[in-house]
Amino acid sequence: MSDELVKSLNSRIQELTGENVRRKQRERDALAKLKQAEGRIADLEKAGGDLGKAQDRIKELEQAVKDAEQAVKDAPSRHSEELKTLRADLLSRDRRAAFEKAAKGKVREDALADAFERVEWGDDASIDESKVGAEVDRLIAEKPYLKKGPDGLEPAAGGDGKPTPTPRPPGPASDRGAAPGKAVEITSPTGDAFRIA
């Protein structure tokens, strides 16, 4: 991931954290208003004032508290999915970086993506570089085609890096002078084939 994306994700996480703090403050404010209203009711009852107005005011404040509580309940659910996605993106970026560091010099460049997909990360969100290194070694042991060859040479996909000798076909006049079907074919230790008439 690019640095801009990381900065964007980090700023979004900070925004969501700020939203959570503001939500909690609104909840505290609503509770404080409710307590204030209860205090006023007690004062009105003591003073013998108009109980009908007080009850109406209580209903208004109770509705305001219910609205505030509903807003508090709704706020986290709106942003929780986005927050989960952002955290998963950051974890994926960190895992890829740790994997590439551990695989450098061990895994062929063209097989990095395949090897990364085969890593067993588990449920732990923390990244232990020694465990990642052990996982890379396990993958190379199980899948030899992933291994980078000696001196930086990379074997062909699916091969062990050793050249396989292929016999050369006989030349255009290899059976000259021999009776048809009487030529003898000999294969040298290097894999070259000869016909002798």
N, C-alpha and C. Protein backbone atom coordinates (compact mmCIF):
# COMPACT_ATOMS: atom_id res chain seq x y z
N MET A 1 0.84 -1.18 0.00
CA MET A 1 0.00 0.00 0.00
C MET A 1 0.88 1.24 0.00
N SER A 2 0.41 2.30 -0.56
CA SER A 2 1.18 3.52 -0.60
C SER A 2 1.05 4.28 0.72
N ASP A 3 1.99 5.19 0.91
CA ASP A 3 1.97 5.99 2.14
C ASP A 3 0.71 6.84 2.22
N GLU A 4 0.23 7.33 1.07
CA GLU A 4 -0.98 8.15 1.07
C GLU A 4 -2.18 7.35 1.57
N LEU A 5 -2.26 6.10 1.15
CA LEU A 5 -3.37 5.26 1.60
C LEU A 5 -3.27 5.01 3.10
N VAL A 6 -2.06 4.75 3.58
CA VAL A 6 -1.86 4.53 5.01
C VAL A 6 -2.25 5.77 5.79
N LYS A 7 -1.81 6.96 5.30
CA LYS A 7 -2.17 8.21 5.98
C LYS A 7 -3.69 8.39 5.97
N SER A 8 -4.31 8.08 4.83
CA SER A 8 -5.76 8.21 4.72
C SER A 8 -6.47 7.29 5.70
N LEU A 9 -6.00 6.05 5.79
CA LEU A 9 -6.62 5.09 6.71
C LEU A 9 -6.42 5.53 8.15
N ASN A 10 -5.22 5.99 8.48
CA ASN A 10 -4.96 6.44 9.85
C ASN A 10 -5.81 7.65 10.21
N SER A 11 -5.97 8.60 9.26
CA SER A 11 -6.80 9.78 9.56
C SER A 11 -8.26 9.39 9.72
N ARG A 12 -8.72 8.40 8.94
CA ARG A 12 -10.11 7.95 9.07
C ARG A 12 -10.34 7.29 10.44
N ILE A 13 -9.35 6.53 10.91
CA ILE A 13 -9.45 5.91 12.23
C ILE A 13 -9.52 6.98 13.30
N GLN A 14 -8.72 8.05 13.15
CA GLN A 14 -8.75 9.15 14.12
C GLN A 14 -10.11 9.84 14.10
N GLU A 15 -10.69 10.02 12.90
CA GLU A 15 -12.01 10.64 12.81
C GLU A 15 -13.06 9.80 13.54
N LEU A 16 -12.99 8.48 13.33
CA LEU A 16 -13.95 7.60 13.98
C LEU A 16 -13.77 7.61 15.49
N THR A 17 -12.54 7.69 15.95
CA THR A 17 -12.28 7.76 17.39
C THR A 17 -12.84 9.07 17.95
N GLY A 18 -12.65 10.18 17.22
CA GLY A 18 -13.22 11.46 17.64
C GLY A 18 -14.73 11.42 17.69
N GLU A 19 -15.35 10.76 16.72
CA GLU A 19 -16.81 10.62 16.70
C GLU A 19 -17.29 9.86 17.93
N ASN A 20 -16.55 8.84 18.32
CA ASN A 20 -16.90 8.06 19.51
C ASN A 20 -16.82 8.92 20.76
N VAL A 21 -15.79 9.77 20.86
CA VAL A 21 -15.64 10.66 22.02
C VAL A 21 -16.79 11.66 22.07
N ARG A 22 -17.15 12.23 20.91
CA ARG A 22 -18.26 13.19 20.86
C ARG A 22 -19.58 12.52 21.22
N ARG A 23 -19.77 11.28 20.81
CA ARG A 23 -20.99 10.54 21.13
C ARG A 23 -21.11 10.36 22.65
N LYS A 24 -20.01 9.99 23.27
CA LYS A 24 -20.03 9.79 24.72
C LYS A 24 -20.31 11.11 25.44
N GLN A 25 -19.80 12.21 24.91
CA GLN A 25 -20.06 13.53 25.53
C GLN A 25 -21.54 13.88 25.41
N ARG A 26 -22.15 13.59 24.24
CA ARG A 26 -23.58 13.87 24.08
C ARG A 26 -24.40 13.05 25.07
N GLU A 27 -23.99 11.81 25.29
CA GLU A 27 -24.70 10.97 26.25
C GLU A 27 -24.59 11.56 27.66
N ARG A 28 -23.38 12.02 28.04
CA ARG A 28 -23.22 12.63 29.37
C ARG A 28 -24.06 13.89 29.50
N ASP A 29 -24.12 14.69 28.42
CA ASP A 29 -24.91 15.93 28.44
C ASP A 29 -26.40 15.60 28.61
N ALA A 30 -26.88 14.56 27.91
CA ALA A 30 -28.29 14.19 28.01
C ALA A 30 -28.62 13.72 29.43
N LEU A 31 -27.73 12.96 30.03
CA LEU A 31 -27.96 12.51 31.41
C LEU A 31 -27.95 13.68 32.38
N ALA A 32 -27.06 14.66 32.11
CA ALA A 32 -27.02 15.84 32.98
C ALA A 32 -28.33 16.62 32.87
N LYS A 33 -28.89 16.74 31.65
CA LYS A 33 -30.16 17.45 31.48
C LYS A 33 -31.29 16.72 32.20
N LEU A 34 -31.26 15.40 32.15
CA LEU A 34 -32.28 14.62 32.83
C LEU A 34 -32.22 14.87 34.35
N LYS A 35 -31.02 14.87 34.90
CA LYS A 35 -30.88 15.13 36.34
C LYS A 35 -31.34 16.54 36.68
N GLN A 36 -31.02 17.48 35.80
CA GLN A 36 -31.45 18.87 36.03
C GLN A 36 -32.98 18.95 36.02
N ALA A 37 -33.60 18.22 35.09
CA ALA A 37 -35.06 18.22 35.02
C ALA A 37 -35.66 17.61 36.27
N GLU A 38 -35.09 16.54 36.74
CA GLU A 38 -35.58 15.92 37.96
C GLU A 38 -35.46 16.88 39.15
N GLY A 39 -34.38 17.65 39.17
CA GLY A 39 -34.21 18.65 40.24
C GLY A 39 -35.28 19.73 40.17
N ARG A 40 -35.61 20.15 38.94
CA ARG A 40 -36.65 21.17 38.77
C ARG A 40 -38.02 20.63 39.20
N ILE A 41 -38.26 19.38 38.88
CA ILE A 41 -39.55 18.78 39.28
C ILE A 41 -39.65 18.76 40.80
N ALA A 42 -38.58 18.38 41.42
CA ALA A 42 -38.59 18.35 42.89
C ALA A 42 -38.85 19.75 43.45
N ASP A 43 -38.23 20.76 42.83
CA ASP A 43 -38.44 22.15 43.28
C ASP A 43 -39.89 22.57 43.09
N LEU A 44 -40.47 22.20 41.93
CA LEU A 44 -41.85 22.56 41.66
C LEU A 44 -42.81 21.88 42.63
N GLU A 45 -42.55 20.63 42.91
CA GLU A 45 -43.40 19.93 43.86
C GLU A 45 -43.32 20.56 45.25
N LYS A 46 -42.13 21.00 45.62
CA LYS A 46 -41.97 21.65 46.92
C LYS A 46 -42.69 23.00 46.93
N ALA A 47 -42.55 23.70 45.83
CA ALA A 47 -43.14 25.04 45.77
C ALA A 47 -44.65 24.98 45.51
N GLY A 48 -45.16 23.84 45.12
CA GLY A 48 -46.58 23.70 44.87
C GLY A 48 -46.98 24.36 43.56
N GLY A 49 -46.07 24.46 42.58
CA GLY A 49 -46.35 25.11 41.29
C GLY A 49 -47.24 24.26 40.42
N ASP A 50 -47.39 24.70 39.19
CA ASP A 50 -48.25 24.03 38.23
C ASP A 50 -47.66 22.68 37.86
N LEU A 51 -48.27 21.62 38.34
CA LEU A 51 -47.79 20.28 38.11
C LEU A 51 -47.96 19.85 36.65
N GLY A 52 -48.98 20.33 35.98
CA GLY A 52 -49.24 19.97 34.56
C GLY A 52 -48.11 20.43 33.66
N LYS A 53 -47.62 21.68 33.88
CA LYS A 53 -46.49 22.17 33.07
C LYS A 53 -45.24 21.36 33.35
N ALA A 54 -45.05 21.01 34.59
CA ALA A 54 -43.87 20.24 34.95
C ALA A 54 -43.90 18.86 34.29
N GLN A 55 -45.07 18.25 34.27
CA GLN A 55 -45.18 16.92 33.67
C GLN A 55 -44.93 16.99 32.16
N ASP A 56 -45.43 18.04 31.50
CA ASP A 56 -45.17 18.22 30.07
C ASP A 56 -43.68 18.39 29.80
N ARG A 57 -43.05 19.18 30.65
CA ARG A 57 -41.61 19.41 30.50
C ARG A 57 -40.84 18.10 30.73
N ILE A 58 -41.30 17.31 31.67
CA ILE A 58 -40.66 16.02 31.94
C ILE A 58 -40.77 15.12 30.70
N LYS A 59 -41.95 15.10 30.09
CA LYS A 59 -42.14 14.27 28.90
C LYS A 59 -41.22 14.72 27.77
N GLU A 60 -41.08 16.05 27.61
CA GLU A 60 -40.18 16.58 26.58
C GLU A 60 -38.75 16.14 26.84
N LEU A 61 -38.33 16.25 28.09
CA LEU A 61 -36.95 15.88 28.44
C LEU A 61 -36.73 14.37 28.31
N GLU A 62 -37.72 13.59 28.69
CA GLU A 62 -37.60 12.14 28.54
C GLU A 62 -37.47 11.76 27.07
N GLN A 63 -38.25 12.44 26.20
CA GLN A 63 -38.14 12.17 24.76
C GLN A 63 -36.76 12.58 24.25
N ALA A 64 -36.25 13.71 24.74
CA ALA A 64 -34.91 14.15 24.32
C ALA A 64 -33.86 13.14 24.74
N VAL A 65 -34.01 12.59 25.94
CA VAL A 65 -33.06 11.58 26.42
C VAL A 65 -33.16 10.32 25.55
N LYS A 66 -34.37 9.89 25.22
CA LYS A 66 -34.55 8.70 24.38
C LYS A 66 -33.91 8.92 23.00
N ASP A 67 -34.12 10.13 22.44
CA ASP A 67 -33.51 10.44 21.14
C ASP A 67 -31.99 10.40 21.23
N ALA A 68 -31.45 10.96 22.31
CA ALA A 68 -30.00 10.96 22.49
C ALA A 68 -29.46 9.54 22.64
N GLU A 69 -30.16 8.71 23.40
CA GLU A 69 -29.73 7.33 23.58
C GLU A 69 -29.77 6.56 22.26
N GLN A 70 -30.80 6.81 21.45
CA GLN A 70 -30.89 6.14 20.16
C GLN A 70 -29.75 6.59 19.25
N ALA A 71 -29.43 7.87 19.28
CA ALA A 71 -28.31 8.38 18.47
C ALA A 71 -27.00 7.74 18.90
N VAL A 72 -26.84 7.54 20.20
CA VAL A 72 -25.63 6.90 20.72
C VAL A 72 -25.56 5.45 20.25
N LYS A 73 -26.68 4.74 20.25
CA LYS A 73 -26.69 3.35 19.80
C LYS A 73 -26.42 3.23 18.30
N ASP A 74 -26.93 4.18 17.52
CA ASP A 74 -26.78 4.13 16.07
C ASP A 74 -25.38 4.51 15.60
N ALA A 75 -24.72 5.40 16.30
CA ALA A 75 -23.43 5.93 15.85
C ALA A 75 -22.38 4.84 15.66
N PRO A 76 -22.16 3.94 16.61
CA PRO A 76 -21.11 2.94 16.39
C PRO A 76 -21.43 1.98 15.25
N SER A 77 -22.69 1.64 15.06
CA SER A 77 -23.03 0.68 14.02
C SER A 77 -22.79 1.26 12.63
N ARG A 78 -22.90 2.56 12.47
CA ARG A 78 -22.67 3.17 11.16
C ARG A 78 -21.21 3.07 10.76
N HIS A 79 -20.32 3.17 11.72
CA HIS A 79 -18.90 3.23 11.39
C HIS A 79 -18.15 1.94 11.70
N SER A 80 -18.77 0.99 12.35
CA SER A 80 -18.05 -0.21 12.76
C SER A 80 -17.58 -1.04 11.57
N GLU A 81 -18.39 -1.18 10.53
CA GLU A 81 -18.00 -1.95 9.36
C GLU A 81 -16.82 -1.28 8.65
N GLU A 82 -16.88 0.03 8.52
CA GLU A 82 -15.79 0.75 7.87
C GLU A 82 -14.51 0.63 8.69
N LEU A 83 -14.63 0.70 9.99
CA LEU A 83 -13.47 0.57 10.87
C LEU A 83 -12.87 -0.84 10.76
N LYS A 84 -13.71 -1.87 10.70
CA LYS A 84 -13.22 -3.24 10.54
C LYS A 84 -12.46 -3.39 9.23
N THR A 85 -13.00 -2.80 8.16
CA THR A 85 -12.36 -2.89 6.85
C THR A 85 -11.00 -2.20 6.87
N LEU A 86 -10.94 -1.02 7.47
CA LEU A 86 -9.68 -0.29 7.54
C LEU A 86 -8.64 -1.05 8.34
N ARG A 87 -9.05 -1.63 9.45
CA ARG A 87 -8.11 -2.41 10.26
C ARG A 87 -7.63 -3.65 9.50
N ALA A 88 -8.51 -4.30 8.76
CA ALA A 88 -8.12 -5.47 7.97
C ALA A 88 -7.12 -5.08 6.88
N ASP A 89 -7.32 -3.93 6.25
CA ASP A 89 -6.39 -3.45 5.23
C ASP A 89 -5.01 -3.19 5.83
N LEU A 90 -4.99 -2.57 6.99
CA LEU A 90 -3.70 -2.30 7.65
C LEU A 90 -3.00 -3.60 8.05
N LEU A 91 -3.75 -4.56 8.56
CA LEU A 91 -3.17 -5.84 8.95
C LEU A 91 -2.61 -6.56 7.72
N SER A 92 -3.34 -6.54 6.62
CA SER A 92 -2.88 -7.18 5.39
C SER A 92 -1.59 -6.54 4.90
N ARG A 93 -1.52 -5.21 4.95
CA ARG A 93 -0.31 -4.49 4.53
C ARG A 93 0.87 -4.89 5.41
N ASP A 94 0.66 -4.94 6.72
CA ASP A 94 1.75 -5.28 7.64
C ASP A 94 2.20 -6.73 7.45
N ARG A 95 1.24 -7.63 7.22
CA ARG A 95 1.60 -9.03 6.98
C ARG A 95 2.41 -9.19 5.71
N ARG A 96 2.00 -8.49 4.64
CA ARG A 96 2.74 -8.59 3.37
C ARG A 96 4.15 -8.07 3.54
N ALA A 97 4.33 -6.96 4.26
CA ALA A 97 5.66 -6.40 4.47
C ALA A 97 6.54 -7.37 5.26
N ALA A 98 6.00 -7.98 6.30
CA ALA A 98 6.76 -8.95 7.10
C ALA A 98 7.11 -10.17 6.26
N PHE A 99 6.17 -10.62 5.44
CA PHE A 99 6.42 -11.78 4.58
C PHE A 99 7.51 -11.49 3.57
N GLU A 100 7.43 -10.34 2.90
CA GLU A 100 8.43 -10.00 1.89
C GLU A 100 9.82 -9.88 2.51
N LYS A 101 9.88 -9.37 3.73
CA LYS A 101 11.16 -9.25 4.42
C LYS A 101 11.73 -10.65 4.72
N ALA A 102 10.88 -11.56 5.19
CA ALA A 102 11.32 -12.91 5.53
C ALA A 102 11.64 -13.74 4.28
N ALA A 103 10.95 -13.49 3.18
CA ALA A 103 11.12 -14.28 1.96
C ALA A 103 12.24 -13.77 1.07
N LYS A 104 12.76 -12.60 1.35
CA LYS A 104 13.79 -12.00 0.50
C LYS A 104 15.01 -12.92 0.46
N GLY A 105 15.41 -13.31 -0.74
CA GLY A 105 16.56 -14.18 -0.92
C GLY A 105 16.23 -15.65 -0.79
N LYS A 106 15.03 -16.00 -0.35
CA LYS A 106 14.67 -17.41 -0.18
C LYS A 106 13.67 -17.87 -1.22
N VAL A 107 12.76 -16.99 -1.61
CA VAL A 107 11.67 -17.35 -2.52
C VAL A 107 11.86 -16.63 -3.84
N ARG A 108 11.61 -17.34 -4.94
CA ARG A 108 11.72 -16.74 -6.27
C ARG A 108 10.79 -15.55 -6.39
N GLU A 109 11.23 -14.54 -7.11
CA GLU A 109 10.43 -13.31 -7.27
C GLU A 109 9.08 -13.60 -7.92
N ASP A 110 9.07 -14.47 -8.93
CA ASP A 110 7.81 -14.75 -9.63
C ASP A 110 6.87 -15.65 -8.83
N ALA A 111 7.33 -16.17 -7.67
CA ALA A 111 6.50 -17.05 -6.86
C ALA A 111 6.09 -16.40 -5.54
N LEU A 112 6.43 -15.12 -5.33
CA LEU A 112 6.11 -14.45 -4.06
C LEU A 112 4.61 -14.42 -3.79
N ALA A 113 3.82 -14.07 -4.80
CA ALA A 113 2.37 -13.97 -4.60
C ALA A 113 1.78 -15.33 -4.23
N ASP A 114 2.22 -16.39 -4.91
CA ASP A 114 1.73 -17.73 -4.60
C ASP A 114 2.13 -18.14 -3.19
N ALA A 115 3.36 -17.85 -2.81
CA ALA A 115 3.83 -18.21 -1.47
C ALA A 115 3.06 -17.43 -0.41
N PHE A 116 2.79 -16.15 -0.65
CA PHE A 116 2.06 -15.33 0.32
C PHE A 116 0.66 -15.89 0.55
N GLU A 117 0.01 -16.36 -0.51
CA GLU A 117 -1.34 -16.91 -0.38
C GLU A 117 -1.35 -18.21 0.41
N ARG A 118 -0.21 -18.92 0.44
CA ARG A 118 -0.14 -20.21 1.13
C ARG A 118 0.25 -20.09 2.61
N VAL A 119 0.60 -18.90 3.06
CA VAL A 119 1.00 -18.71 4.46
C VAL A 119 -0.22 -18.89 5.36
N GLU A 120 -0.04 -19.61 6.46
CA GLU A 120 -1.12 -19.82 7.43
C GLU A 120 -0.93 -18.81 8.55
N TRP A 121 -1.72 -17.74 8.51
CA TRP A 121 -1.56 -16.64 9.47
C TRP A 121 -2.24 -16.91 10.80
N GLY A 122 -3.32 -17.60 10.81
CA GLY A 122 -4.07 -17.81 12.05
C GLY A 122 -4.91 -16.59 12.37
N ASP A 123 -5.46 -16.55 13.60
CA ASP A 123 -6.35 -15.46 14.00
C ASP A 123 -5.63 -14.33 14.71
N ASP A 124 -4.37 -14.51 15.04
CA ASP A 124 -3.62 -13.52 15.79
C ASP A 124 -3.33 -12.30 14.91
N ALA A 125 -3.65 -11.12 15.41
CA ALA A 125 -3.43 -9.90 14.64
C ALA A 125 -2.00 -9.40 14.77
N SER A 126 -1.26 -9.88 15.77
CA SER A 126 0.13 -9.46 15.90
C SER A 126 1.00 -10.27 14.94
N ILE A 127 2.12 -9.69 14.54
CA ILE A 127 2.99 -10.32 13.56
C ILE A 127 4.35 -10.58 14.21
N ASP A 128 4.71 -11.86 14.33
CA ASP A 128 5.99 -12.25 14.90
C ASP A 128 6.90 -12.63 13.74
N GLU A 129 7.99 -11.87 13.54
CA GLU A 129 8.84 -12.08 12.37
C GLU A 129 9.51 -13.45 12.39
N SER A 130 9.81 -13.98 13.58
CA SER A 130 10.43 -15.31 13.63
C SER A 130 9.44 -16.38 13.15
N LYS A 131 8.16 -16.21 13.51
CA LYS A 131 7.15 -17.16 13.05
C LYS A 131 6.95 -17.05 11.54
N VAL A 132 7.01 -15.83 11.02
CA VAL A 132 6.86 -15.64 9.57
C VAL A 132 8.03 -16.31 8.85
N GLY A 133 9.25 -16.15 9.39
CA GLY A 133 10.43 -16.80 8.80
C GLY A 133 10.30 -18.31 8.82
N ALA A 134 9.81 -18.86 9.92
CA ALA A 134 9.61 -20.31 10.02
C ALA A 134 8.55 -20.77 9.02
N GLU A 135 7.53 -19.95 8.82
CA GLU A 135 6.47 -20.29 7.86
C GLU A 135 7.02 -20.29 6.44
N VAL A 136 7.89 -19.34 6.12
CA VAL A 136 8.52 -19.30 4.78
C VAL A 136 9.37 -20.56 4.59
N ASP A 137 10.14 -20.95 5.61
CA ASP A 137 10.96 -22.17 5.51
C ASP A 137 10.09 -23.40 5.32
N ARG A 138 8.94 -23.46 6.02
CA ARG A 138 8.02 -24.58 5.87
C ARG A 138 7.48 -24.65 4.44
N LEU A 139 7.11 -23.50 3.89
CA LEU A 139 6.58 -23.47 2.52
C LEU A 139 7.62 -23.95 1.51
N ILE A 140 8.87 -23.52 1.69
CA ILE A 140 9.94 -23.92 0.77
C ILE A 140 10.17 -25.42 0.86
N ALA A 141 10.10 -25.97 2.09
CA ALA A 141 10.28 -27.42 2.26
C ALA A 141 9.14 -28.20 1.59
N GLU A 142 7.91 -27.68 1.70
CA GLU A 142 6.75 -28.37 1.11
C GLU A 142 6.65 -28.16 -0.39
N LYS A 143 7.00 -26.98 -0.85
CA LYS A 143 6.87 -26.61 -2.27
C LYS A 143 8.23 -26.18 -2.80
N PRO A 144 9.08 -27.11 -3.25
CA PRO A 144 10.44 -26.76 -3.68
C PRO A 144 10.48 -25.77 -4.85
N TYR A 145 9.44 -25.69 -5.64
CA TYR A 145 9.46 -24.76 -6.78
C TYR A 145 9.51 -23.31 -6.33
N LEU A 146 9.17 -23.03 -5.05
CA LEU A 146 9.21 -21.67 -4.53
C LEU A 146 10.64 -21.20 -4.26
N LYS A 147 11.54 -22.16 -4.04
CA LYS A 147 12.90 -21.84 -3.58
C LYS A 147 13.71 -21.14 -4.66
N LYS A 148 14.40 -20.11 -4.23
CA LYS A 148 15.30 -19.38 -5.12
C LYS A 148 16.58 -20.19 -5.23
N GLY A 149 17.12 -20.33 -6.44
CA GLY A 149 18.30 -21.14 -6.66
C GLY A 149 19.56 -20.50 -6.11
N PRO A 150 20.69 -21.24 -6.13
CA PRO A 150 21.96 -20.69 -5.64
C PRO A 150 22.44 -19.55 -6.53
N ASP A 151 23.17 -18.64 -5.96
CA ASP A 151 23.73 -17.48 -6.67
C ASP A 151 22.65 -16.64 -7.35
N GLY A 152 21.47 -16.67 -6.82
CA GLY A 152 20.40 -15.84 -7.36
C GLY A 152 19.73 -16.43 -8.58
N LEU A 153 20.20 -17.60 -9.09
CA LEU A 153 19.56 -18.22 -10.24
C LEU A 153 18.22 -18.78 -9.81
N GLU A 154 17.26 -18.67 -10.68
CA GLU A 154 15.93 -19.15 -10.34
C GLU A 154 15.57 -20.31 -11.27
N PRO A 155 15.25 -21.49 -10.70
CA PRO A 155 14.90 -22.63 -11.54
C PRO A 155 13.56 -22.38 -12.23
N ALA A 156 13.34 -23.14 -13.28
CA ALA A 156 12.06 -23.03 -13.99
C ALA A 156 10.95 -23.48 -13.06
N ALA A 157 9.77 -22.97 -13.29
CA ALA A 157 8.63 -23.30 -12.43
C ALA A 157 8.40 -24.80 -12.43
N GLY A 158 8.31 -25.38 -11.24
CA GLY A 158 8.05 -26.80 -11.10
C GLY A 158 9.30 -27.66 -11.19
N GLY A 159 10.45 -27.07 -11.43
CA GLY A 159 11.68 -27.85 -11.55
C GLY A 159 12.54 -27.74 -10.31
N ASP A 160 13.60 -28.55 -10.29
CA ASP A 160 14.51 -28.51 -9.16
C ASP A 160 15.74 -27.67 -9.45
N GLY A 161 15.82 -27.07 -10.62
CA GLY A 161 16.93 -26.20 -10.96
C GLY A 161 18.07 -26.91 -11.67
N LYS A 162 18.01 -28.23 -11.81
CA LYS A 162 19.06 -28.98 -12.47
C LYS A 162 18.70 -29.15 -13.94
N PRO A 163 19.69 -28.96 -14.85
CA PRO A 163 19.38 -29.15 -16.28
C PRO A 163 19.14 -30.63 -16.59
N THR A 164 18.22 -30.88 -17.46
CA THR A 164 17.90 -32.24 -17.87
C THR A 164 18.46 -32.45 -19.26
N PRO A 165 19.40 -33.44 -19.41
CA PRO A 165 19.97 -33.65 -20.76
C PRO A 165 18.92 -34.21 -21.70
N THR A 166 18.92 -33.70 -22.90
CA THR A 166 18.02 -34.22 -23.93
C THR A 166 18.88 -34.76 -25.07
N PRO A 167 18.61 -35.98 -25.53
CA PRO A 167 19.43 -36.53 -26.63
C PRO A 167 19.21 -35.77 -27.92
N ARG A 168 20.29 -35.62 -28.66
CA ARG A 168 20.17 -34.93 -29.95
C ARG A 168 19.66 -35.91 -30.98
N PRO A 169 18.87 -35.43 -31.91
CA PRO A 169 18.41 -36.33 -32.97
C PRO A 169 19.59 -36.67 -33.91
N PRO A 170 19.56 -37.84 -34.54
CA PRO A 170 20.65 -38.20 -35.46
C PRO A 170 20.71 -37.23 -36.64
N GLY A 171 21.91 -37.04 -37.16
CA GLY A 171 22.14 -36.13 -38.28
C GLY A 171 21.54 -36.64 -39.58
N PRO A 172 21.63 -35.81 -40.66
CA PRO A 172 20.97 -36.17 -41.92
C PRO A 172 21.57 -37.39 -42.63
N ALA A 173 22.84 -37.69 -42.42
CA ALA A 173 23.44 -38.83 -43.13
C ALA A 173 23.96 -39.86 -42.15
N SER A 174 23.33 -39.99 -41.04
CA SER A 174 23.83 -40.88 -40.00
C SER A 174 23.72 -42.36 -40.36
N ASP A 175 22.86 -42.71 -41.29
CA ASP A 175 22.72 -44.12 -41.64
C ASP A 175 23.34 -44.43 -43.00
N ARG A 176 24.19 -43.54 -43.54
CA ARG A 176 24.79 -43.76 -44.85
C ARG A 176 25.74 -44.95 -44.80
N GLY A 177 25.65 -45.78 -45.73
CA GLY A 177 26.53 -46.93 -45.85
C GLY A 177 26.06 -48.14 -45.07
N ALA A 178 25.06 -48.02 -44.31
CA ALA A 178 24.59 -49.17 -43.53
C ALA A 178 23.41 -49.79 -44.23
N ALA A 179 23.27 -51.05 -44.00
CA ALA A 179 22.12 -51.72 -44.56
C ALA A 179 20.89 -51.24 -43.82
N PRO A 180 19.76 -51.13 -44.50
CA PRO A 180 18.56 -50.64 -43.83
C PRO A 180 18.23 -51.51 -42.62
N GLY A 181 18.03 -50.84 -41.49
CA GLY A 181 17.66 -51.54 -40.28
C GLY A 181 18.85 -52.12 -39.54
N LYS A 182 20.10 -51.98 -40.05
CA LYS A 182 21.28 -52.57 -39.42
C LYS A 182 22.06 -51.54 -38.59
N ALA A 183 21.66 -50.30 -38.57
CA ALA A 183 22.39 -49.27 -37.83
C ALA A 183 22.19 -49.49 -36.34
N VAL A 184 23.24 -49.18 -35.57
CA VAL A 184 23.20 -49.33 -34.12
C VAL A 184 23.20 -47.93 -33.51
N GLU A 185 22.33 -47.74 -32.56
CA GLU A 185 22.26 -46.42 -31.91
C GLU A 185 22.91 -46.52 -30.54
N ILE A 186 23.83 -45.58 -30.26
CA ILE A 186 24.54 -45.56 -28.98
C ILE A 186 24.28 -44.20 -28.32
N THR A 187 24.05 -44.25 -27.02
CA THR A 187 23.83 -43.00 -26.27
C THR A 187 25.01 -42.81 -25.33
N SER A 188 25.66 -41.65 -25.43
CA SER A 188 26.82 -41.36 -24.57
C SER A 188 26.35 -40.96 -23.18
N PRO A 189 27.27 -40.95 -22.20
CA PRO A 189 26.90 -40.55 -20.83
C PRO A 189 26.38 -39.11 -20.76
N THR A 190 26.75 -38.26 -21.71
CA THR A 190 26.26 -36.88 -21.69
C THR A 190 24.88 -36.77 -22.29
N GLY A 191 24.36 -37.86 -22.83
CA GLY A 191 23.01 -37.84 -23.36
C GLY A 191 22.97 -37.71 -24.88
N ASP A 192 24.12 -37.62 -25.57
CA ASP A 192 24.15 -37.50 -27.02
C ASP A 192 23.91 -38.87 -27.64
N ALA A 193 23.16 -38.94 -28.72
CA ALA A 193 22.84 -40.21 -29.38
C ALA A 193 23.64 -40.29 -30.68
N PHE A 194 24.22 -41.45 -30.96
CA PHE A 194 25.01 -41.69 -32.17
C PHE A 194 24.49 -42.93 -32.85
N ARG A 195 24.58 -42.94 -34.17
CA ARG A 195 24.24 -44.14 -34.96
C ARG A 195 25.50 -44.62 -35.66
N ILE A 196 25.74 -45.86 -35.51
CA ILE A 196 26.91 -46.45 -36.16
C ILE A 196 26.41 -47.54 -37.10
N ALA A 197 26.93 -47.45 -38.32
CA ALA A 197 26.48 -48.42 -39.31
C ALA A 197 27.42 -49.60 -39.39
